[in-house]
Amino acid sequence: MMTVNEFWARLAINAVIILVGVVLLASGVGLGGLILVVGVLGGIWTAIRAKRQTDKMNRAIAEKRRR
């Protein structure tokens, strides 16, 4: 289960990875594009994982209220 602090830490790490990718890409390094894509995919994965966790928690709360 991902905590709020872990969520923000993951977003910050992915933002740094994206920034490094942009800088490398602007410098003409071919690997910069790959690093940029990895950072974007990491951010998307973090958002998807957080959404799934929120949905799971909301379902658990709704189930508890039904009892």
C-alpha atoms as a PDB file:
ATOM      1  CA  MET A   1       0.000   0.000   0.000  1.00  0.00           C
ATOM      2  CA  MET A   2       1.379   3.363  -1.030  1.00  0.00           C
ATOM      3  CA  THR A   3       1.429   6.159   1.539  1.00  0.00           C
ATOM      4  CA  VAL A   4       0.837   9.790   0.670  1.00  0.00           C
ATOM      5  CA  ASN A   5       4.515  10.582   1.267  1.00  0.00           C
ATOM      6  CA  GLU A   6       5.560   7.703  -0.990  1.00  0.00           C
ATOM      7  CA  PHE A   7       3.195   8.985  -3.691  1.00  0.00           C
ATOM      8  CA  TRP A   8       4.736  12.468  -3.608  1.00  0.00           C
ATOM      9  CA  ALA A   9       8.249  11.030  -3.463  1.00  0.00           C
ATOM     10  CA  ARG A  10       7.576   8.894  -6.547  1.00  0.00           C
ATOM     11  CA  LEU A  11       6.170  11.899  -8.409  1.00  0.00           C
ATOM     12  CA  ALA A  12       9.217  13.976  -7.456  1.00  0.00           C
ATOM     13  CA  ILE A  13      11.610  11.236  -8.592  1.00  0.00           C
ATOM     14  CA  ASN A  14       9.798  10.913 -11.902  1.00  0.00           C
ATOM     15  CA  ALA A  15       9.824  14.695 -12.348  1.00  0.00           C
ATOM     16  CA  VAL A  16      13.603  14.697 -11.869  1.00  0.00           C
ATOM     17  CA  ILE A  17      13.961  11.842 -14.362  1.00  0.00           C
ATOM     18  CA  ILE A  18      11.853  13.771 -16.884  1.00  0.00           C
ATOM     19  CA  LEU A  19      13.945  16.905 -16.305  1.00  0.00           C
ATOM     20  CA  VAL A  20      17.193  14.965 -16.825  1.00  0.00           C
ATOM     21  CA  GLY A  21      15.723  13.482 -20.014  1.00  0.00           C
ATOM     22  CA  VAL A  22      14.792  16.911 -21.339  1.00  0.00           C
ATOM     23  CA  VAL A  23      18.245  18.328 -20.553  1.00  0.00           C
ATOM     24  CA  LEU A  24      19.991  15.364 -22.206  1.00  0.00           C
ATOM     25  CA  LEU A  25      17.687  15.582 -25.199  1.00  0.00           C
ATOM     26  CA  ALA A  26      18.385  19.302 -25.547  1.00  0.00           C
ATOM     27  CA  SER A  27      22.109  18.560 -25.340  1.00  0.00           C
ATOM     28  CA  GLY A  28      21.822  16.187 -28.261  1.00  0.00           C
ATOM     29  CA  VAL A  29      22.346  12.977 -26.299  1.00  0.00           C
ATOM     30  CA  GLY A  30      20.335  10.204 -27.918  1.00  0.00           C
ATOM     31  CA  LEU A  31      19.655   8.484 -24.615  1.00  0.00           C
ATOM     32  CA  GLY A  32      17.771  11.570 -23.397  1.00  0.00           C
ATOM     33  CA  GLY A  33      14.625  10.557 -25.250  1.00  0.00           C
ATOM     34  CA  LEU A  34      14.599   7.147 -23.600  1.00  0.00           C
ATOM     35  CA  ILE A  35      15.115   8.661 -20.157  1.00  0.00           C
ATOM     36  CA  LEU A  36      12.306  11.129 -20.844  1.00  0.00           C
ATOM     37  CA  VAL A  37       9.937   8.308 -21.823  1.00  0.00           C
ATOM     38  CA  VAL A  38      10.886   6.300 -18.727  1.00  0.00           C
ATOM     39  CA  GLY A  39      10.123   9.307 -16.515  1.00  0.00           C
ATOM     40  CA  VAL A  40       6.741   9.891 -18.147  1.00  0.00           C
ATOM     41  CA  LEU A  41       5.819   6.215 -17.901  1.00  0.00           C
ATOM     42  CA  GLY A  42       6.882   6.185 -14.243  1.00  0.00           C
ATOM     43  CA  GLY A  43       4.605   9.149 -13.533  1.00  0.00           C
ATOM     44  CA  ILE A  44       1.712   7.509 -15.340  1.00  0.00           C
ATOM     45  CA  TRP A  45       2.270   4.240 -13.455  1.00  0.00           C
ATOM     46  CA  THR A  46       2.330   6.107 -10.118  1.00  0.00           C
ATOM     47  CA  ALA A  47      -0.949   7.859 -10.955  1.00  0.00           C
ATOM     48  CA  ILE A  48      -2.607   4.606 -12.032  1.00  0.00           C
ATOM     49  CA  ARG A  49      -1.429   2.830  -8.907  1.00  0.00           C
ATOM     50  CA  ALA A  50      -2.700   5.648  -6.667  1.00  0.00           C
ATOM     51  CA  LYS A  51      -6.082   5.637  -8.441  1.00  0.00           C
ATOM     52  CA  ARG A  52      -6.421   1.862  -8.029  1.00  0.00           C
ATOM     53  CA  GLN A  53      -5.562   2.152  -4.342  1.00  0.00           C
ATOM     54  CA  THR A  54      -8.098   4.950  -3.846  1.00  0.00           C
ATOM     55  CA  ASP A  55     -10.793   2.908  -5.590  1.00  0.00           C
ATOM     56  CA  LYS A  56      -9.965  -0.119  -3.434  1.00  0.00           C
ATOM     57  CA  MET A  57     -10.185   1.967  -0.263  1.00  0.00           C
ATOM     58  CA  ASN A  58     -13.490   3.529  -1.376  1.00  0.00           C
ATOM     59  CA  ARG A  59     -14.940   0.064  -2.052  1.00  0.00           C
ATOM     60  CA  ALA A  60     -13.846  -1.091   1.405  1.00  0.00           C
ATOM     61  CA  ILE A  61     -15.452   1.957   3.022  1.00  0.00           C
ATOM     62  CA  ALA A  62     -18.697   1.420   1.086  1.00  0.00           C
ATOM     63  CA  GLU A  63     -18.733  -2.259   2.071  1.00  0.00           C
ATOM     64  CA  LYS A  64     -18.202  -1.365   5.716  1.00  0.00           C
ATOM     65  CA  ARG A  65     -21.085   1.142   5.583  1.00  0.00           C
ATOM     66  CA  ARG A  66     -23.407  -1.501   4.127  1.00  0.00           C
ATOM     67  CA  ARG A  67     -22.922  -3.763   7.151  1.00  0.00           C
END
